Amino acid sequence: MYEQGVPGLYLGKAIRWYYGKDVPGEIVYAKSGNRVPKSEGAQPLMDLPESFPTDIDYEWYERETLKIMRVMGCIT
């Protein structure tokens, strides 16, 4: 698993992540240094762990789901 708090650690070309609780910072592109869109609070997960992560920010996923459902007209 990605070691938190290691600025400049190269993650590779294809980055996989989930939104975790109390994850500081964001993911940035190695070449340009620009922030990866919507990566604030993202926890890199480059390899599938043996057990499911315990720090998933379920509230973030619920908020995003409700936003999408409103745009689709499923809820008001």
PDB file of N, CA and C in Angstrom:
ATOM      1  N   MET A   1       0.839  -1.185   0.000  1.00  0.00           N
ATOM      2  CA  MET A   1       0.000   0.000   0.000  1.00  0.00           C
ATOM      3  C   MET A   1       0.880   1.242   0.000  1.00  0.00           C
ATOM      4  N   TYR A   2       0.395   2.311  -0.569  1.00  0.00           N
ATOM      5  CA  TYR A   2       1.105   3.581  -0.647  1.00  0.00           C
ATOM      6  C   TYR A   2       1.398   4.105   0.748  1.00  0.00           C
ATOM      7  N   GLU A   3       2.584   4.560   0.952  1.00  0.00           N
ATOM      8  CA  GLU A   3       2.959   5.111   2.244  1.00  0.00           C
ATOM      9  C   GLU A   3       2.558   6.579   2.286  1.00  0.00           C
ATOM     10  N   GLN A   4       1.644   6.924   3.174  1.00  0.00           N
ATOM     11  CA  GLN A   4       1.171   8.301   3.259  1.00  0.00           C
ATOM     12  C   GLN A   4       2.302   9.228   3.684  1.00  0.00           C
ATOM     13  N   GLY A   5       2.217  10.457   3.206  1.00  0.00           N
ATOM     14  CA  GLY A   5       3.164  11.471   3.616  1.00  0.00           C
ATOM     15  C   GLY A   5       4.521  11.385   2.935  1.00  0.00           C
ATOM     16  N   VAL A   6       4.601  10.720   1.798  1.00  0.00           N
ATOM     17  CA  VAL A   6       5.859  10.646   1.065  1.00  0.00           C
ATOM     18  C   VAL A   6       5.705  11.484  -0.195  1.00  0.00           C
ATOM     19  N   PRO A   7       5.974  12.796  -0.102  1.00  0.00           N
ATOM     20  CA  PRO A   7       5.816  13.646  -1.288  1.00  0.00           C
ATOM     21  C   PRO A   7       6.818  13.258  -2.370  1.00  0.00           C
ATOM     22  N   GLY A   8       6.345  13.287  -3.602  1.00  0.00           N
ATOM     23  CA  GLY A   8       7.206  12.993  -4.726  1.00  0.00           C
ATOM     24  C   GLY A   8       7.374  11.522  -5.040  1.00  0.00           C
ATOM     25  N   LEU A   9       6.710  10.646  -4.315  1.00  0.00           N
ATOM     26  CA  LEU A   9       6.803   9.212  -4.584  1.00  0.00           C
ATOM     27  C   LEU A   9       6.109   8.916  -5.908  1.00  0.00           C
ATOM     28  N   TYR A  10       6.840   8.334  -6.865  1.00  0.00           N
ATOM     29  CA  TYR A  10       6.285   8.017  -8.178  1.00  0.00           C
ATOM     30  C   TYR A  10       5.365   6.809  -8.062  1.00  0.00           C
ATOM     31  N   LEU A  11       4.125   6.951  -8.534  1.00  0.00           N
ATOM     32  CA  LEU A  11       3.130   5.890  -8.421  1.00  0.00           C
ATOM     33  C   LEU A  11       2.957   5.094  -9.709  1.00  0.00           C
ATOM     34  N   GLY A  12       3.448   5.590 -10.829  1.00  0.00           N
ATOM     35  CA  GLY A  12       3.307   4.896 -12.100  1.00  0.00           C
ATOM     36  C   GLY A  12       2.376   5.646 -13.032  1.00  0.00           C
ATOM     37  N   LYS A  13       2.125   5.061 -14.203  1.00  0.00           N
ATOM     38  CA  LYS A  13       1.269   5.714 -15.198  1.00  0.00           C
ATOM     39  C   LYS A  13      -0.206   5.589 -14.863  1.00  0.00           C
ATOM     40  N   ALA A  14      -0.637   4.424 -14.431  1.00  0.00           N
ATOM     41  CA  ALA A  14      -2.045   4.206 -14.088  1.00  0.00           C
ATOM     42  C   ALA A  14      -2.167   4.193 -12.563  1.00  0.00           C
ATOM     43  N   ILE A  15      -2.855   5.187 -12.046  1.00  0.00           N
ATOM     44  CA  ILE A  15      -2.985   5.313 -10.593  1.00  0.00           C
ATOM     45  C   ILE A  15      -4.381   4.909 -10.176  1.00  0.00           C
ATOM     46  N   ARG A  16      -4.454   4.044  -9.195  1.00  0.00           N
ATOM     47  CA  ARG A  16      -5.740   3.628  -8.636  1.00  0.00           C
ATOM     48  C   ARG A  16      -5.823   4.176  -7.221  1.00  0.00           C
ATOM     49  N   TRP A  17      -7.001   4.663  -6.874  1.00  0.00           N
ATOM     50  CA  TRP A  17      -7.160   5.198  -5.531  1.00  0.00           C
ATOM     51  C   TRP A  17      -8.592   5.075  -5.065  1.00  0.00           C
ATOM     52  N   TYR A  18      -8.762   5.318  -3.785  1.00  0.00           N
ATOM     53  CA  TYR A  18     -10.087   5.433  -3.178  1.00  0.00           C
ATOM     54  C   TYR A  18     -10.044   6.648  -2.283  1.00  0.00           C
ATOM     55  N   TYR A  19     -11.201   7.155  -1.903  1.00  0.00           N
ATOM     56  CA  TYR A  19     -11.250   8.303  -1.020  1.00  0.00           C
ATOM     57  C   TYR A  19     -11.257   7.820   0.420  1.00  0.00           C
ATOM     58  N   GLY A  20     -10.241   8.227   1.161  1.00  0.00           N
ATOM     59  CA  GLY A  20     -10.081   7.795   2.540  1.00  0.00           C
ATOM     60  C   GLY A  20     -10.361   8.928   3.515  1.00  0.00           C
ATOM     61  N   LYS A  21     -10.550   8.571   4.756  1.00  0.00           N
ATOM     62  CA  LYS A  21     -10.766   9.556   5.815  1.00  0.00           C
ATOM     63  C   LYS A  21      -9.419  10.127   6.244  1.00  0.00           C
ATOM     64  N   ASP A  22      -9.388  11.432   6.437  1.00  0.00           N
ATOM     65  CA  ASP A  22      -8.203  12.136   6.953  1.00  0.00           C
ATOM     66  C   ASP A  22      -6.944  11.873   6.126  1.00  0.00           C
ATOM     67  N   VAL A  23      -7.084  11.838   4.805  1.00  0.00           N
ATOM     68  CA  VAL A  23      -5.929  11.694   3.924  1.00  0.00           C
ATOM     69  C   VAL A  23      -5.511  13.101   3.491  1.00  0.00           C
ATOM     70  N   PRO A  24      -4.317  13.536   3.873  1.00  0.00           N
ATOM     71  CA  PRO A  24      -3.890  14.900   3.533  1.00  0.00           C
ATOM     72  C   PRO A  24      -3.429  15.011   2.086  1.00  0.00           C
ATOM     73  N   GLY A  25      -3.619  16.180   1.516  1.00  0.00           N
ATOM     74  CA  GLY A  25      -3.068  16.472   0.199  1.00  0.00           C
ATOM     75  C   GLY A  25      -3.826  15.874  -0.961  1.00  0.00           C
ATOM     76  N   GLU A  26      -3.121  15.815  -2.085  1.00  0.00           N
ATOM     77  CA  GLU A  26      -3.700  15.339  -3.332  1.00  0.00           C
ATOM     78  C   GLU A  26      -2.633  14.603  -4.124  1.00  0.00           C
ATOM     79  N   ILE A  27      -3.030  14.009  -5.222  1.00  0.00           N
ATOM     80  CA  ILE A  27      -2.092  13.330  -6.110  1.00  0.00           C
ATOM     81  C   ILE A  27      -1.729  14.308  -7.217  1.00  0.00           C
ATOM     82  N   VAL A  28      -0.454  14.369  -7.569  1.00  0.00           N
ATOM     83  CA  VAL A  28      -0.003  15.277  -8.628  1.00  0.00           C
ATOM     84  C   VAL A  28       0.677  14.480  -9.736  1.00  0.00           C
ATOM     85  N   TYR A  29       0.575  15.007 -10.951  1.00  0.00           N
ATOM     86  CA  TYR A  29       1.238  14.400 -12.093  1.00  0.00           C
ATOM     87  C   TYR A  29       2.749  14.560 -11.948  1.00  0.00           C
ATOM     88  N   ALA A  30       3.505  13.498 -12.252  1.00  0.00           N
ATOM     89  CA  ALA A  30       4.958  13.529 -12.113  1.00  0.00           C
ATOM     90  C   ALA A  30       5.600  14.517 -13.081  1.00  0.00           C
ATOM     91  N   LYS A  31       5.134  14.534 -14.329  1.00  0.00           N
ATOM     92  CA  LYS A  31       5.778  15.381 -15.340  1.00  0.00           C
ATOM     93  C   LYS A  31       5.485  16.858 -15.146  1.00  0.00           C
ATOM     94  N   SER A  32       4.211  17.205 -14.967  1.00  0.00           N
ATOM     95  CA  SER A  32       3.832  18.615 -14.926  1.00  0.00           C
ATOM     96  C   SER A  32       3.750  19.181 -13.515  1.00  0.00           C
ATOM     97  N   GLY A  33       3.528  18.327 -12.532  1.00  0.00           N
ATOM     98  CA  GLY A  33       3.340  18.818 -11.168  1.00  0.00           C
ATOM     99  C   GLY A  33       1.930  19.310 -10.911  1.00  0.00           C
ATOM    100  N   ASN A  34       1.051  19.210 -11.919  1.00  0.00           N
ATOM    101  CA  ASN A  34      -0.340  19.630 -11.745  1.00  0.00           C
ATOM    102  C   ASN A  34      -1.100  18.590 -10.936  1.00  0.00           C
ATOM    103  N   ARG A  35      -2.132  19.059 -10.260  1.00  0.00           N
ATOM    104  CA  ARG A  35      -2.961  18.183  -9.435  1.00  0.00           C
ATOM    105  C   ARG A  35      -3.838  17.301 -10.316  1.00  0.00           C
ATOM    106  N   VAL A  36      -3.956  16.038  -9.945  1.00  0.00           N
ATOM    107  CA  VAL A  36      -4.875  15.123 -10.628  1.00  0.00           C
ATOM    108  C   VAL A  36      -6.291  15.537 -10.213  1.00  0.00           C
ATOM    109  N   PRO A  37      -7.195  15.771 -11.179  1.00  0.00           N
ATOM    110  CA  PRO A  37      -8.550  16.226 -10.837  1.00  0.00           C
ATOM    111  C   PRO A  37      -9.244  15.298  -9.839  1.00  0.00           C
ATOM    112  N   LYS A  38      -9.919  15.924  -8.891  1.00  0.00           N
ATOM    113  CA  LYS A  38     -10.706  15.218  -7.866  1.00  0.00           C
ATOM    114  C   LYS A  38      -9.875  14.241  -7.032  1.00  0.00           C
ATOM    115  N   SER A  39      -8.592  14.555  -6.815  1.00  0.00           N
ATOM    116  CA  SER A  39      -7.754  13.649  -6.033  1.00  0.00           C
ATOM    117  C   SER A  39      -7.505  14.150  -4.616  1.00  0.00           C
ATOM    118  N   GLU A  40      -8.135  15.243  -4.216  1.00  0.00           N
ATOM    119  CA  GLU A  40      -8.005  15.734  -2.843  1.00  0.00           C
ATOM    120  C   GLU A  40      -8.597  14.696  -1.895  1.00  0.00           C
ATOM    121  N   GLY A  41      -7.798  14.192  -0.989  1.00  0.00           N
ATOM    122  CA  GLY A  41      -8.255  13.169  -0.057  1.00  0.00           C
ATOM    123  C   GLY A  41      -8.169  11.759  -0.606  1.00  0.00           C
ATOM    124  N   ALA A  42      -7.543  11.608  -1.772  1.00  0.00           N
ATOM    125  CA  ALA A  42      -7.433  10.285  -2.393  1.00  0.00           C
ATOM    126  C   ALA A  42      -6.281   9.500  -1.777  1.00  0.00           C
ATOM    127  N   GLN A  43      -6.528   8.250  -1.509  1.00  0.00           N
ATOM    128  CA  GLN A  43      -5.506   7.339  -0.975  1.00  0.00           C
ATOM    129  C   GLN A  43      -5.103   6.372  -2.081  1.00  0.00           C
ATOM    130  N   PRO A  44      -3.876   6.485  -2.607  1.00  0.00           N
ATOM    131  CA  PRO A  44      -3.448   5.558  -3.651  1.00  0.00           C
ATOM    132  C   PRO A  44      -3.526   4.107  -3.173  1.00  0.00           C
ATOM    133  N   LEU A  45      -3.943   3.250  -4.076  1.00  0.00           N
ATOM    134  CA  LEU A  45      -4.053   1.820  -3.783  1.00  0.00           C
ATOM    135  C   LEU A  45      -3.561   1.091  -5.030  1.00  0.00           C
ATOM    136  N   MET A  46      -2.255   0.974  -5.136  1.00  0.00           N
ATOM    137  CA  MET A  46      -1.658   0.448  -6.350  1.00  0.00           C
ATOM    138  C   MET A  46      -1.739  -1.068  -6.448  1.00  0.00           C
ATOM    139  N   ASP A  47      -1.789  -1.745  -5.329  1.00  0.00           N
ATOM    140  CA  ASP A  47      -1.916  -3.195  -5.303  1.00  0.00           C
ATOM    141  C   ASP A  47      -3.117  -3.572  -4.460  1.00  0.00           C
ATOM    142  N   LEU A  48      -3.828  -4.591  -4.880  1.00  0.00           N
ATOM    143  CA  LEU A  48      -4.997  -5.048  -4.144  1.00  0.00           C
ATOM    144  C   LEU A  48      -4.549  -5.638  -2.807  1.00  0.00           C
ATOM    145  N   PRO A  49      -5.051  -5.091  -1.690  1.00  0.00           N
ATOM    146  CA  PRO A  49      -4.618  -5.588  -0.382  1.00  0.00           C
ATOM    147  C   PRO A  49      -5.316  -6.904  -0.011  1.00  0.00           C
ATOM    148  N   GLU A  50      -4.777  -7.566   0.988  1.00  0.00           N
ATOM    149  CA  GLU A  50      -5.375  -8.807   1.486  1.00  0.00           C
ATOM    150  C   GLU A  50      -6.737  -8.553   2.118  1.00  0.00           C
ATOM    151  N   SER A  51      -6.872  -7.418   2.801  1.00  0.00           N
ATOM    152  CA  SER A  51      -8.140  -7.081   3.453  1.00  0.00           C
ATOM    153  C   SER A  51      -8.635  -5.727   2.954  1.00  0.00           C
ATOM    154  N   PHE A  52      -9.939  -5.533   3.050  1.00  0.00           N
ATOM    155  CA  PHE A  52     -10.579  -4.303   2.596  1.00  0.00           C
ATOM    156  C   PHE A  52     -10.104  -3.129   3.453  1.00  0.00           C
ATOM    157  N   PRO A  53      -9.777  -1.966   2.860  1.00  0.00           N
ATOM    158  CA  PRO A  53      -9.328  -0.815   3.641  1.00  0.00           C
ATOM    159  C   PRO A  53     -10.377  -0.391   4.674  1.00  0.00           C
ATOM    160  N   THR A  54      -9.919   0.020   5.829  1.00  0.00           N
ATOM    161  CA  THR A  54     -10.834   0.409   6.912  1.00  0.00           C
ATOM    162  C   THR A  54     -11.073   1.911   6.981  1.00  0.00           C
ATOM    163  N   ASP A  55     -10.349   2.683   6.172  1.00  0.00           N
ATOM    164  CA  ASP A  55     -10.468   4.148   6.252  1.00  0.00           C
ATOM    165  C   ASP A  55     -11.230   4.755   5.078  1.00  0.00           C
ATOM    166  N   ILE A  56     -12.121   4.012   4.463  1.00  0.00           N
ATOM    167  CA  ILE A  56     -12.881   4.518   3.317  1.00  0.00           C
ATOM    168  C   ILE A  56     -13.832   5.620   3.773  1.00  0.00           C
ATOM    169  N   ASP A  57     -13.861   6.705   3.009  1.00  0.00           N
ATOM    170  CA  ASP A  57     -14.743   7.828   3.314  1.00  0.00           C
ATOM    171  C   ASP A  57     -16.099   7.582   2.652  1.00  0.00           C
ATOM    172  N   TYR A  58     -16.919   6.801   3.305  1.00  0.00           N
ATOM    173  CA  TYR A  58     -18.233   6.445   2.753  1.00  0.00           C
ATOM    174  C   TYR A  58     -19.114   7.673   2.531  1.00  0.00           C
ATOM    175  N   GLU A  59     -18.981   8.700   3.366  1.00  0.00           N
ATOM    176  CA  GLU A  59     -19.779   9.920   3.204  1.00  0.00           C
ATOM    177  C   GLU A  59     -19.475  10.604   1.883  1.00  0.00           C
ATOM    178  N   TRP A  60     -18.204  10.595   1.460  1.00  0.00           N
ATOM    179  CA  TRP A  60     -17.844  11.192   0.172  1.00  0.00           C
ATOM    180  C   TRP A  60     -18.579  10.473  -0.950  1.00  0.00           C
ATOM    181  N   TYR A  61     -18.576   9.150  -0.925  1.00  0.00           N
ATOM    182  CA  TYR A  61     -19.243   8.363  -1.961  1.00  0.00           C
ATOM    183  C   TYR A  61     -20.755   8.595  -1.942  1.00  0.00           C
ATOM    184  N   GLU A  62     -21.335   8.734  -0.775  1.00  0.00           N
ATOM    185  CA  GLU A  62     -22.778   9.001  -0.678  1.00  0.00           C
ATOM    186  C   GLU A  62     -23.115  10.361  -1.275  1.00  0.00           C
ATOM    187  N   ARG A  63     -22.311  11.385  -0.954  1.00  0.00           N
ATOM    188  CA  ARG A  63     -22.537  12.735  -1.516  1.00  0.00           C
ATOM    189  C   ARG A  63     -22.444  12.713  -3.035  1.00  0.00           C
ATOM    190  N   GLU A  64     -21.413  12.077  -3.579  1.00  0.00           N
ATOM    191  CA  GLU A  64     -21.241  12.010  -5.028  1.00  0.00           C
ATOM    192  C   GLU A  64     -22.388  11.261  -5.698  1.00  0.00           C
ATOM    193  N   THR A  65     -22.854  10.197  -5.077  1.00  0.00           N
ATOM    194  CA  THR A  65     -23.974   9.424  -5.620  1.00  0.00           C
ATOM    195  C   THR A  65     -25.226  10.284  -5.689  1.00  0.00           C
ATOM    196  N   LEU A  66     -25.486  11.041  -4.626  1.00  0.00           N
ATOM    197  CA  LEU A  66     -26.665  11.908  -4.612  1.00  0.00           C
ATOM    198  C   LEU A  66     -26.559  13.008  -5.669  1.00  0.00           C
ATOM    199  N   LYS A  67     -25.361  13.574  -5.868  1.00  0.00           N
ATOM    200  CA  LYS A  67     -25.165  14.587  -6.907  1.00  0.00           C
ATOM    201  C   LYS A  67     -25.495  14.013  -8.285  1.00  0.00           C
ATOM    202  N   ILE A  68     -24.993  12.833  -8.555  1.00  0.00           N
ATOM    203  CA  ILE A  68     -25.219  12.191  -9.857  1.00  0.00           C
ATOM    204  C   ILE A  68     -26.709  11.890 -10.045  1.00  0.00           C
ATOM    205  N   MET A  69     -27.348  11.403  -8.997  1.00  0.00           N
ATOM    206  CA  MET A  69     -28.768  11.076  -9.081  1.00  0.00           C
ATOM    207  C   MET A  69     -29.613  12.324  -9.331  1.00  0.00           C
ATOM    208  N   ARG A  70     -29.205  13.467  -8.754  1.00  0.00           N
ATOM    209  CA  ARG A  70     -29.929  14.720  -9.000  1.00  0.00           C
ATOM    210  C   ARG A  70     -29.767  15.155 -10.458  1.00  0.00           C
ATOM    211  N   VAL A  71     -28.558  15.067 -10.969  1.00  0.00           N
ATOM    212  CA  VAL A  71     -28.305  15.439 -12.364  1.00  0.00           C
ATOM    213  C   VAL A  71     -29.103  14.573 -13.315  1.00  0.00           C
ATOM    214  N   MET A  72     -29.235  13.305 -12.994  1.00  0.00           N
ATOM    215  CA  MET A  72     -29.979  12.366 -13.827  1.00  0.00           C
ATOM    216  C   MET A  72     -31.486  12.541 -13.675  1.00  0.00           C
ATOM    217  N   GLY A  73     -31.925  13.294 -12.673  1.00  0.00           N
ATOM    218  CA  GLY A  73     -33.348  13.496 -12.450  1.00  0.00           C
ATOM    219  C   GLY A  73     -34.008  12.394 -11.656  1.00  0.00           C
ATOM    220  N   CYS A  74     -33.218  11.545 -11.039  1.00  0.00           N
ATOM    221  CA  CYS A  74     -33.777  10.449 -10.239  1.00  0.00           C
ATOM    222  C   CYS A  74     -34.355  10.949  -8.915  1.00  0.00           C
ATOM    223  N   ILE A  75     -33.747  12.016  -8.371  1.00  0.00           N
ATOM    224  CA  ILE A  75     -34.219  12.625  -7.127  1.00  0.00           C
ATOM    225  C   ILE A  75     -34.196  14.140  -7.294  1.00  0.00           C
ATOM    226  N   THR A  76     -34.893  14.819  -6.419  1.00  0.00           N
ATOM    227  CA  THR A  76     -34.892  16.295  -6.480  1.00  0.00           C
ATOM    228  C   THR A  76     -34.278  16.875  -5.244  1.00  0.00           C
TER     229      THR A  76
END
